[in-house]
N, C-alpha and C. Protein backbone atom coordinates (compact mmCIF):
# COMPACT_ATOMS: atom_id res chain seq x y z
N MET A 1 19.86 -60.36 -0.78
CA MET A 1 18.69 -59.50 -1.00
C MET A 1 18.64 -58.71 0.19
N ASN A 2 18.80 -59.13 1.57
CA ASN A 2 18.68 -58.26 2.70
C ASN A 2 19.73 -57.09 2.60
N THR A 3 20.89 -57.43 1.97
CA THR A 3 21.94 -56.42 1.95
C THR A 3 21.45 -55.19 0.99
N ILE A 4 20.92 -55.66 -0.20
CA ILE A 4 20.43 -54.60 -1.13
C ILE A 4 19.39 -53.76 -0.47
N LEU A 5 18.40 -54.47 0.17
CA LEU A 5 17.35 -53.76 0.91
C LEU A 5 17.83 -52.90 1.91
N THR A 6 18.73 -53.25 2.69
CA THR A 6 19.30 -52.49 3.75
C THR A 6 20.00 -51.23 3.13
N ARG A 7 20.65 -51.43 2.14
CA ARG A 7 21.47 -50.30 1.48
C ARG A 7 20.47 -49.36 0.84
N PHE A 8 19.50 -49.90 0.36
CA PHE A 8 18.32 -49.04 -0.41
C PHE A 8 17.72 -48.28 0.78
N GLN A 9 17.33 -48.87 1.88
CA GLN A 9 16.63 -48.05 2.94
C GLN A 9 17.50 -47.07 3.54
N ALA A 10 18.94 -47.34 3.58
CA ALA A 10 19.93 -46.29 4.18
C ALA A 10 20.02 -45.26 3.13
N THR A 11 20.15 -45.42 1.89
CA THR A 11 20.14 -44.47 0.88
C THR A 11 18.84 -43.76 0.86
N LEU A 12 17.71 -44.29 1.00
CA LEU A 12 16.36 -43.60 0.98
C LEU A 12 16.33 -42.61 2.22
N GLY A 13 16.92 -43.17 3.44
CA GLY A 13 16.95 -42.29 4.65
C GLY A 13 17.84 -41.18 4.52
N ARG A 14 19.01 -41.25 3.92
CA ARG A 14 19.73 -40.13 3.68
C ARG A 14 19.23 -39.18 2.71
N ALA A 15 18.64 -39.66 1.73
CA ALA A 15 17.94 -38.64 0.64
C ALA A 15 16.81 -37.88 1.46
N ALA A 16 16.01 -38.73 2.27
CA ALA A 16 14.92 -37.92 2.95
C ALA A 16 15.57 -36.95 3.94
N LEU A 17 16.62 -37.29 4.67
CA LEU A 17 17.49 -36.30 5.45
C LEU A 17 17.87 -35.02 4.61
N LEU A 18 18.43 -35.23 3.46
CA LEU A 18 18.77 -34.22 2.58
C LEU A 18 17.60 -33.27 2.24
N VAL A 19 16.52 -33.89 1.82
CA VAL A 19 15.41 -33.15 1.41
C VAL A 19 14.88 -32.39 2.65
N THR A 20 14.70 -32.97 3.88
CA THR A 20 14.37 -32.21 4.94
C THR A 20 15.20 -31.03 5.32
N ILE A 21 16.52 -31.32 5.18
CA ILE A 21 17.45 -30.18 5.56
C ILE A 21 17.24 -29.17 4.37
N GLY A 22 17.10 -29.43 3.07
CA GLY A 22 16.90 -28.46 2.05
C GLY A 22 15.58 -27.66 2.15
N LEU A 23 14.43 -28.38 2.54
CA LEU A 23 13.32 -27.51 2.65
C LEU A 23 13.30 -26.78 3.83
N ALA A 24 13.92 -27.29 5.06
CA ALA A 24 14.31 -26.29 6.14
C ALA A 24 15.08 -24.98 5.72
N THR A 25 15.93 -25.22 4.97
CA THR A 25 16.86 -24.08 4.50
C THR A 25 15.99 -23.06 3.66
N LEU A 26 15.23 -23.87 2.76
CA LEU A 26 14.34 -22.87 1.81
C LEU A 26 13.33 -21.98 2.55
N ALA A 27 12.69 -22.75 3.58
CA ALA A 27 11.79 -22.31 4.59
C ALA A 27 12.43 -21.09 5.28
N SER A 28 13.49 -21.25 5.82
CA SER A 28 14.30 -20.18 6.39
C SER A 28 14.62 -18.92 5.63
N LEU A 29 14.97 -19.25 4.34
CA LEU A 29 15.24 -18.09 3.49
C LEU A 29 13.95 -17.50 3.08
N ALA A 30 12.89 -18.15 3.07
CA ALA A 30 11.65 -17.47 2.67
C ALA A 30 11.11 -16.61 3.84
N ARG A 31 11.38 -17.10 5.09
CA ARG A 31 10.86 -16.32 6.42
C ARG A 31 11.76 -15.18 6.28
N ALA A 32 13.12 -15.35 6.03
CA ALA A 32 13.95 -13.93 5.86
C ALA A 32 13.48 -12.93 4.94
N ALA A 33 13.12 -13.37 3.76
CA ALA A 33 12.82 -12.48 2.60
C ALA A 33 11.25 -11.85 3.01
N GLU A 34 10.56 -12.66 3.69
CA GLU A 34 9.25 -12.24 3.90
C GLU A 34 9.34 -10.97 4.98
N GLY A 35 10.32 -10.97 5.83
CA GLY A 35 10.39 -9.86 6.90
C GLY A 35 11.15 -8.69 6.33
N GLU A 36 11.79 -8.72 5.23
CA GLU A 36 12.67 -7.66 4.65
C GLU A 36 11.69 -6.56 4.15
N PHE A 37 10.59 -6.84 3.69
CA PHE A 37 9.92 -5.70 2.88
C PHE A 37 8.37 -5.98 3.28
N SER A 38 7.83 -4.90 3.56
CA SER A 38 6.34 -5.04 3.98
C SER A 38 5.39 -4.92 2.86
N LYS A 39 5.69 -4.63 1.62
CA LYS A 39 4.89 -4.64 0.50
C LYS A 39 5.65 -5.20 -0.77
N PRO A 40 5.03 -5.92 -1.57
CA PRO A 40 5.72 -6.31 -2.75
C PRO A 40 5.71 -5.45 -4.00
N VAL A 41 5.56 -4.30 -3.73
CA VAL A 41 5.32 -3.21 -4.96
C VAL A 41 6.40 -2.15 -4.50
N ILE A 42 6.52 -1.25 -5.62
CA ILE A 42 7.26 -0.08 -5.42
C ILE A 42 6.34 1.16 -5.65
N ASP A 43 6.52 2.17 -4.90
CA ASP A 43 5.91 3.49 -5.18
C ASP A 43 7.03 4.42 -5.82
N ILE A 44 6.53 5.05 -6.72
CA ILE A 44 7.49 5.94 -7.55
C ILE A 44 6.95 7.40 -7.44
N GLY A 45 7.95 8.32 -7.00
CA GLY A 45 7.57 9.75 -6.83
C GLY A 45 8.10 10.43 -8.02
N MET A 46 7.10 11.27 -8.56
CA MET A 46 7.51 11.94 -9.82
C MET A 46 7.23 13.45 -9.58
N VAL A 47 8.15 14.34 -9.87
CA VAL A 47 7.96 15.77 -9.67
C VAL A 47 7.66 16.16 -11.06
N VAL A 48 6.58 17.09 -11.28
CA VAL A 48 6.15 17.44 -12.69
C VAL A 48 5.96 18.97 -12.49
N LYS A 49 5.88 19.52 -13.76
CA LYS A 49 5.65 20.81 -13.76
C LYS A 49 4.18 21.14 -13.65
N ASP A 50 3.15 20.31 -13.98
CA ASP A 50 1.87 20.61 -13.80
C ASP A 50 1.19 19.44 -13.59
N SER A 51 0.66 19.37 -12.21
CA SER A 51 0.14 18.03 -11.77
C SER A 51 -1.27 17.72 -12.43
N GLU A 52 -1.97 18.65 -12.80
CA GLU A 52 -3.33 18.48 -13.35
C GLU A 52 -2.98 17.86 -14.75
N ARG A 53 -2.16 18.65 -15.57
CA ARG A 53 -1.74 17.86 -16.78
C ARG A 53 -1.23 16.51 -16.75
N THR A 54 -0.46 16.20 -15.87
CA THR A 54 0.05 14.90 -15.78
C THR A 54 -1.05 13.86 -15.15
N ALA A 55 -1.90 14.40 -14.42
CA ALA A 55 -3.15 13.62 -13.91
C ALA A 55 -3.86 13.20 -15.20
N GLN A 56 -4.28 14.02 -15.96
CA GLN A 56 -5.02 13.86 -17.14
C GLN A 56 -4.17 12.72 -18.18
N PHE A 57 -2.95 12.86 -18.28
CA PHE A 57 -2.14 12.02 -19.02
C PHE A 57 -2.22 10.51 -18.27
N LEU A 58 -1.98 10.50 -16.95
CA LEU A 58 -1.92 9.21 -16.31
C LEU A 58 -3.23 8.52 -16.36
N THR A 59 -4.23 9.21 -16.29
CA THR A 59 -5.63 8.52 -16.33
C THR A 59 -6.14 8.37 -17.76
N ASN A 60 -6.06 9.34 -18.55
CA ASN A 60 -6.75 9.21 -19.80
C ASN A 60 -5.82 8.55 -20.92
N VAL A 61 -4.49 8.61 -20.77
CA VAL A 61 -3.61 8.01 -21.76
C VAL A 61 -3.07 6.67 -21.25
N LEU A 62 -2.55 6.67 -20.10
CA LEU A 62 -1.90 5.50 -19.57
C LEU A 62 -2.94 4.38 -18.95
N GLY A 63 -4.01 4.83 -18.44
CA GLY A 63 -5.00 4.07 -17.80
C GLY A 63 -4.84 3.85 -16.17
N PHE A 64 -4.04 4.71 -15.63
CA PHE A 64 -4.08 4.78 -14.16
C PHE A 64 -5.33 5.10 -13.55
N LYS A 65 -5.48 4.80 -12.32
CA LYS A 65 -6.69 5.35 -11.50
C LYS A 65 -6.16 6.19 -10.45
N GLU A 66 -6.78 7.32 -10.22
CA GLU A 66 -6.43 8.19 -9.12
C GLU A 66 -7.10 7.77 -7.89
N VAL A 67 -6.24 7.68 -6.85
CA VAL A 67 -6.76 7.31 -5.61
C VAL A 67 -6.43 8.42 -4.50
N ARG A 68 -6.91 8.35 -3.37
CA ARG A 68 -6.67 9.33 -2.38
C ARG A 68 -5.12 9.58 -2.09
N GLY A 69 -4.95 10.82 -2.33
CA GLY A 69 -3.49 11.50 -1.99
C GLY A 69 -3.36 11.77 -0.60
N PHE A 70 -2.35 12.77 -0.47
CA PHE A 70 -2.10 13.35 0.95
C PHE A 70 -1.28 14.57 0.71
N SER A 71 -1.35 15.28 1.93
CA SER A 71 -0.53 16.59 1.99
C SER A 71 0.63 16.39 2.78
N VAL A 72 1.66 17.17 2.60
CA VAL A 72 2.85 17.26 3.54
C VAL A 72 3.02 18.80 3.76
N ASN A 73 3.12 19.35 4.95
CA ASN A 73 3.38 20.61 5.34
C ASN A 73 4.61 21.01 5.10
N ALA A 74 5.09 22.31 5.04
CA ALA A 74 6.48 22.68 4.75
C ALA A 74 7.30 22.27 5.83
N GLU A 75 7.07 22.16 7.26
CA GLU A 75 7.95 21.77 8.18
C GLU A 75 8.22 20.30 8.04
N VAL A 76 7.31 19.45 7.76
CA VAL A 76 7.48 17.96 7.56
C VAL A 76 8.39 17.65 6.37
N SER A 77 8.15 18.58 5.35
CA SER A 77 8.81 18.32 4.08
C SER A 77 10.33 18.64 4.30
N ARG A 78 10.55 19.64 5.08
CA ARG A 78 12.03 20.03 5.48
C ARG A 78 12.57 18.98 6.23
N LYS A 79 11.86 18.53 7.23
CA LYS A 79 12.32 17.28 8.19
C LYS A 79 12.68 16.02 7.52
N ILE A 80 11.80 15.69 6.56
CA ILE A 80 12.09 14.50 5.65
C ILE A 80 13.45 14.64 4.98
N GLY A 81 13.72 15.87 4.46
CA GLY A 81 14.94 15.88 3.77
C GLY A 81 14.74 15.90 2.21
N LEU A 82 13.64 15.58 1.64
CA LEU A 82 13.39 15.54 0.33
C LEU A 82 13.14 16.77 -0.33
N VAL A 83 12.48 17.62 0.52
CA VAL A 83 12.15 19.08 0.02
C VAL A 83 12.52 20.15 0.90
N ASP A 84 13.12 21.12 0.33
CA ASP A 84 13.81 22.13 1.38
C ASP A 84 12.65 23.09 1.80
N GLY A 85 11.56 22.80 2.56
CA GLY A 85 10.64 23.59 3.14
C GLY A 85 9.54 24.03 2.43
N TYR A 86 9.13 23.24 1.32
CA TYR A 86 7.92 23.56 0.51
C TYR A 86 6.92 22.63 0.68
N PRO A 87 5.57 23.06 0.92
CA PRO A 87 4.45 22.13 1.23
C PRO A 87 4.24 21.39 -0.08
N ALA A 88 3.69 20.17 0.20
CA ALA A 88 3.34 19.26 -1.06
C ALA A 88 2.03 18.86 -1.22
N GLU A 89 1.28 18.76 -2.22
CA GLU A 89 -0.04 18.07 -2.37
C GLU A 89 0.50 16.91 -3.32
N VAL A 90 0.32 15.71 -2.68
CA VAL A 90 0.69 14.57 -3.46
C VAL A 90 -0.36 13.76 -3.93
N ARG A 91 -0.60 13.68 -5.33
CA ARG A 91 -1.54 12.87 -6.01
C ARG A 91 -1.06 11.57 -6.30
N VAL A 92 -1.99 10.47 -5.98
CA VAL A 92 -1.60 9.16 -6.11
C VAL A 92 -2.34 8.45 -7.21
N PHE A 93 -1.65 7.69 -8.07
CA PHE A 93 -2.14 6.88 -9.23
C PHE A 93 -1.70 5.56 -9.08
N ARG A 94 -2.57 4.55 -9.39
CA ARG A 94 -2.22 3.08 -9.46
C ARG A 94 -2.76 2.57 -10.66
N LEU A 95 -2.11 1.40 -11.09
CA LEU A 95 -2.55 0.80 -12.36
C LEU A 95 -3.74 -0.11 -12.01
N GLU A 96 -3.95 -0.72 -10.98
CA GLU A 96 -5.16 -1.67 -10.67
C GLU A 96 -5.90 -1.08 -9.48
N GLY A 97 -7.13 -1.50 -9.51
CA GLY A 97 -8.10 -0.97 -8.37
C GLY A 97 -7.91 -1.85 -7.00
N THR A 98 -6.82 -2.82 -6.92
CA THR A 98 -6.82 -3.53 -5.69
C THR A 98 -5.50 -3.35 -5.12
N GLU A 99 -5.22 -3.57 -3.96
CA GLU A 99 -3.98 -3.54 -3.24
C GLU A 99 -3.39 -5.01 -3.10
N PRO A 100 -2.14 -5.12 -3.18
CA PRO A 100 -1.29 -4.11 -3.39
C PRO A 100 -0.98 -3.87 -4.86
N ALA A 101 -0.69 -2.56 -5.24
CA ALA A 101 -0.43 -2.30 -6.60
C ALA A 101 0.65 -1.09 -6.59
N THR A 102 1.55 -1.13 -7.53
CA THR A 102 2.37 -0.08 -7.81
C THR A 102 1.70 1.20 -7.97
N ARG A 103 2.29 2.27 -7.23
CA ARG A 103 1.71 3.55 -7.30
C ARG A 103 2.72 4.63 -7.85
N ILE A 104 2.13 5.64 -8.54
CA ILE A 104 3.08 6.66 -8.82
C ILE A 104 2.39 7.93 -8.06
N LYS A 105 3.37 8.59 -7.37
CA LYS A 105 2.97 9.77 -6.48
C LYS A 105 3.47 11.08 -7.27
N VAL A 106 2.54 11.78 -7.60
CA VAL A 106 2.67 13.09 -8.58
C VAL A 106 2.76 14.21 -7.52
N LEU A 107 3.92 15.01 -7.66
CA LEU A 107 4.12 16.31 -6.93
C LEU A 107 4.52 17.34 -7.86
N SER A 108 3.84 18.62 -7.70
CA SER A 108 4.45 19.72 -8.36
C SER A 108 4.57 20.95 -7.35
N PHE A 109 5.64 21.80 -7.65
CA PHE A 109 6.03 22.91 -6.85
C PHE A 109 6.00 24.22 -7.61
N PRO A 110 4.80 24.76 -7.76
CA PRO A 110 4.75 25.95 -8.57
C PRO A 110 5.66 27.12 -8.07
N LYS A 111 5.96 27.10 -6.80
CA LYS A 111 6.77 28.24 -6.31
C LYS A 111 8.26 27.92 -6.29
N ALA A 112 8.70 26.63 -6.69
CA ALA A 112 9.92 26.08 -6.84
C ALA A 112 10.08 25.22 -8.04
N GLN A 113 10.02 25.85 -9.10
CA GLN A 113 10.07 24.81 -10.33
C GLN A 113 11.44 24.26 -10.43
N GLY A 114 11.44 23.01 -10.66
CA GLY A 114 12.79 22.37 -10.89
C GLY A 114 13.33 22.45 -12.31
N LYS A 115 14.46 22.15 -12.41
CA LYS A 115 15.16 22.15 -13.64
C LYS A 115 14.81 20.88 -14.64
N GLU A 116 14.61 21.19 -15.91
CA GLU A 116 14.15 20.05 -16.77
C GLU A 116 15.41 19.24 -17.18
N ALA A 117 15.35 18.08 -16.98
CA ALA A 117 16.57 17.02 -17.37
C ALA A 117 16.53 17.11 -18.98
N ASP A 118 17.67 16.72 -19.41
CA ASP A 118 17.79 16.43 -20.85
C ASP A 118 17.05 15.05 -21.22
N GLN A 119 15.94 15.18 -21.88
CA GLN A 119 15.17 14.12 -22.22
C GLN A 119 15.19 13.61 -23.61
N ALA A 120 16.39 14.09 -24.24
CA ALA A 120 16.56 13.58 -25.78
C ALA A 120 16.41 12.06 -25.85
N PHE A 121 17.22 11.30 -24.99
CA PHE A 121 17.29 9.90 -24.94
C PHE A 121 17.44 9.53 -23.59
N ILE A 122 17.18 8.14 -23.34
CA ILE A 122 17.28 7.71 -21.96
C ILE A 122 18.77 7.79 -21.37
N HIS A 123 19.77 7.84 -22.22
CA HIS A 123 21.14 7.82 -21.78
C HIS A 123 21.51 9.36 -21.52
N SER A 124 20.69 10.22 -21.90
CA SER A 124 21.10 11.79 -21.82
C SER A 124 21.26 12.19 -20.35
N THR A 125 20.46 11.61 -19.39
CA THR A 125 20.57 11.98 -18.15
C THR A 125 20.67 10.74 -17.13
N LEU A 126 21.27 10.85 -16.08
CA LEU A 126 21.34 9.75 -15.08
C LEU A 126 20.20 9.66 -14.27
N GLY A 127 19.97 8.63 -13.83
CA GLY A 127 18.74 8.27 -12.96
C GLY A 127 17.88 7.41 -13.58
N PHE A 128 16.59 7.30 -12.75
CA PHE A 128 15.47 6.48 -13.34
C PHE A 128 15.09 7.13 -14.63
N ARG A 129 14.95 6.34 -15.55
CA ARG A 129 14.73 6.96 -16.92
C ARG A 129 13.41 6.62 -17.64
N TYR A 130 12.85 5.48 -17.27
CA TYR A 130 11.58 5.24 -18.01
C TYR A 130 10.81 4.21 -17.14
N LEU A 131 9.55 4.14 -17.34
CA LEU A 131 8.63 3.10 -16.78
C LEU A 131 8.23 2.05 -17.89
N THR A 132 8.21 0.81 -17.55
CA THR A 132 7.55 -0.04 -18.41
C THR A 132 6.28 -0.61 -17.84
N LEU A 133 5.27 -0.53 -18.77
CA LEU A 133 3.90 -1.10 -18.50
C LEU A 133 3.46 -2.15 -19.27
N TYR A 134 3.24 -3.38 -18.68
CA TYR A 134 2.92 -4.58 -19.49
C TYR A 134 1.47 -4.65 -19.57
N VAL A 135 1.03 -4.84 -20.93
CA VAL A 135 -0.33 -4.70 -21.19
C VAL A 135 -0.91 -6.04 -21.80
N THR A 136 -2.20 -6.10 -21.80
CA THR A 136 -2.81 -7.33 -22.47
C THR A 136 -3.31 -7.17 -23.86
N ASP A 137 -3.32 -6.01 -24.32
CA ASP A 137 -3.75 -5.74 -25.75
C ASP A 137 -3.09 -4.45 -26.20
N MET A 138 -2.10 -4.38 -26.97
CA MET A 138 -1.38 -3.23 -27.40
C MET A 138 -2.36 -2.36 -28.38
N ASN A 139 -3.30 -2.87 -29.03
CA ASN A 139 -4.20 -2.19 -29.89
C ASN A 139 -5.00 -1.25 -29.01
N GLN A 140 -5.41 -1.66 -27.86
CA GLN A 140 -6.14 -0.68 -26.97
C GLN A 140 -5.23 0.44 -26.68
N ILE A 141 -3.94 0.27 -26.22
CA ILE A 141 -3.08 1.38 -25.95
C ILE A 141 -2.86 2.42 -27.15
N LEU A 142 -2.66 1.77 -28.32
CA LEU A 142 -2.32 2.44 -29.50
C LEU A 142 -3.61 3.26 -29.85
N ALA A 143 -4.87 2.78 -29.57
CA ALA A 143 -6.08 3.60 -29.97
C ALA A 143 -6.14 4.78 -28.92
N ARG A 144 -5.88 4.47 -27.59
CA ARG A 144 -5.88 5.42 -26.57
C ARG A 144 -4.76 6.57 -26.78
N LEU A 145 -3.63 6.19 -27.36
CA LEU A 145 -2.49 7.24 -27.59
C LEU A 145 -3.08 8.07 -28.78
N LYS A 146 -3.65 7.45 -29.88
CA LYS A 146 -4.08 8.30 -30.89
C LYS A 146 -5.11 9.25 -30.62
N LYS A 147 -6.17 8.82 -29.76
CA LYS A 147 -7.17 9.63 -29.30
C LYS A 147 -6.70 10.88 -28.53
N ALA A 148 -5.48 10.62 -27.74
CA ALA A 148 -4.97 11.79 -27.01
C ALA A 148 -3.93 12.43 -27.66
N GLY A 149 -3.63 12.17 -28.94
CA GLY A 149 -2.74 12.88 -29.67
C GLY A 149 -1.21 12.64 -29.29
N VAL A 150 -0.89 11.56 -28.68
CA VAL A 150 0.31 11.14 -28.15
C VAL A 150 1.14 10.38 -29.18
N PRO A 151 2.32 11.13 -29.71
CA PRO A 151 2.90 10.33 -30.76
C PRO A 151 3.73 9.00 -30.22
N THR A 152 4.01 8.14 -31.02
CA THR A 152 5.03 7.22 -30.56
C THR A 152 6.39 7.56 -30.88
N LEU A 153 7.38 7.08 -30.16
CA LEU A 153 8.76 7.32 -30.56
C LEU A 153 9.55 6.25 -31.45
N GLY A 154 10.48 6.70 -32.16
CA GLY A 154 11.29 5.88 -32.89
C GLY A 154 10.33 5.16 -33.90
N GLU A 155 10.58 3.94 -34.14
CA GLU A 155 9.89 2.99 -35.06
C GLU A 155 9.06 2.11 -34.50
N THR A 156 8.32 2.72 -33.32
CA THR A 156 7.25 1.84 -32.53
C THR A 156 5.90 2.20 -33.06
N PRO A 157 5.04 1.34 -33.12
CA PRO A 157 5.11 -0.05 -32.32
C PRO A 157 6.01 -1.00 -33.14
N MET A 158 6.92 -1.73 -32.41
CA MET A 158 7.89 -2.46 -33.16
C MET A 158 7.70 -4.02 -32.38
N GLU A 159 7.57 -4.91 -33.40
CA GLU A 159 7.34 -6.31 -32.90
C GLU A 159 8.83 -6.85 -32.32
N MET A 160 8.68 -7.39 -31.19
CA MET A 160 9.93 -7.92 -30.58
C MET A 160 10.03 -9.37 -30.62
N GLY A 161 9.18 -10.12 -31.33
CA GLY A 161 9.23 -11.51 -31.45
C GLY A 161 8.21 -12.20 -30.55
N ALA A 162 7.75 -13.36 -31.06
CA ALA A 162 6.83 -14.17 -30.23
C ALA A 162 5.60 -13.45 -29.85
N GLY A 163 5.14 -12.51 -30.84
CA GLY A 163 3.89 -11.85 -30.74
C GLY A 163 3.80 -10.84 -29.62
N THR A 164 4.99 -10.33 -29.25
CA THR A 164 5.17 -9.20 -28.24
C THR A 164 5.61 -7.97 -29.02
N TRP A 165 4.85 -6.90 -28.63
CA TRP A 165 5.23 -5.53 -29.25
C TRP A 165 5.55 -4.62 -28.18
N LEU A 166 6.37 -3.62 -28.59
CA LEU A 166 6.87 -2.59 -27.90
C LEU A 166 6.43 -1.22 -28.30
N VAL A 167 5.96 -0.29 -27.66
CA VAL A 167 5.62 1.04 -28.01
C VAL A 167 6.11 2.11 -27.01
N ALA A 168 6.94 2.82 -27.61
CA ALA A 168 7.54 3.93 -26.58
C ALA A 168 7.02 5.34 -26.75
N ILE A 169 6.72 6.15 -25.61
CA ILE A 169 6.22 7.43 -25.77
C ILE A 169 6.99 8.26 -24.76
N LYS A 170 6.53 9.56 -24.69
CA LYS A 170 6.99 10.45 -23.73
C LYS A 170 5.75 11.12 -22.98
N ASP A 171 5.91 11.29 -21.67
CA ASP A 171 4.77 11.90 -20.87
C ASP A 171 4.88 13.42 -21.04
N PRO A 172 3.91 14.38 -20.60
CA PRO A 172 4.08 15.79 -20.77
C PRO A 172 5.29 16.40 -20.46
N ASP A 173 6.10 15.81 -19.40
CA ASP A 173 7.37 16.37 -18.92
C ASP A 173 8.53 15.81 -19.66
N GLY A 174 8.30 14.93 -20.56
CA GLY A 174 9.51 14.17 -21.36
C GLY A 174 9.88 12.99 -20.82
N ASN A 175 9.33 12.50 -19.81
CA ASN A 175 9.69 11.16 -19.20
C ASN A 175 9.32 10.14 -20.02
N PHE A 176 10.22 8.98 -20.21
CA PHE A 176 9.84 7.91 -21.11
C PHE A 176 9.04 6.85 -20.45
N ILE A 177 8.13 6.37 -21.33
CA ILE A 177 7.28 5.17 -20.96
C ILE A 177 7.24 4.17 -22.12
N GLU A 178 7.40 3.00 -21.78
CA GLU A 178 7.11 1.97 -22.82
C GLU A 178 6.13 0.86 -22.37
N PHE A 179 5.45 0.53 -23.47
CA PHE A 179 4.43 -0.58 -23.25
C PHE A 179 4.78 -1.83 -23.83
N VAL A 180 4.60 -2.93 -23.16
CA VAL A 180 5.03 -4.22 -23.80
C VAL A 180 3.84 -5.09 -23.72
N GLY A 181 3.49 -5.80 -24.85
CA GLY A 181 2.43 -6.77 -24.90
C GLY A 181 2.09 -7.22 -26.22
N PRO A 182 0.98 -8.05 -26.29
CA PRO A 182 0.66 -8.49 -27.57
C PRO A 182 -0.47 -7.64 -28.22
N ARG A 183 -0.47 -7.75 -29.55
CA ARG A 183 -1.62 -7.05 -30.20
C ARG A 183 -2.75 -8.05 -30.59
N LYS A 184 -3.83 -7.73 -30.07
CA LYS A 184 -5.13 -8.78 -30.13
C LYS A 184 -6.09 -8.04 -31.29
């Protein structure tokens, strides 16, 4: 009996040691991941033809809220390397009213209009091609799209299974947006 108890205690001790080592390793990995990024969200910069038209679309059709934006002067924009010396007024929109929240930063350059990409399909042009917005009630989205006169693409709304629906649209500049969620 003592031998069995001794073996059990030894096995239990080894298991406790392995759990401790495993937890220490996980804690170490968690600390490393915590230090890598300062925010758990992504900001998306979007250059548009008309920032006011896009602002109306983002707020009235998609449900974003406009928050305080910022300006970048011509010299700073040149130094950053993203713009070749044009000033920028950056309008900022986010889905939720609390931080942290993913934001879309909208910029337009009336004196330096960009070239329009081939927006026929998502495979027509390389790069970031669409946004996916997860919603709680697809019927609310469909009502808002109808009110704004925004047509859906393809055969959407389309049921994806398990009560989940997908609706695809394009914004005023032809960028693809998909909504995913239930119909209530």
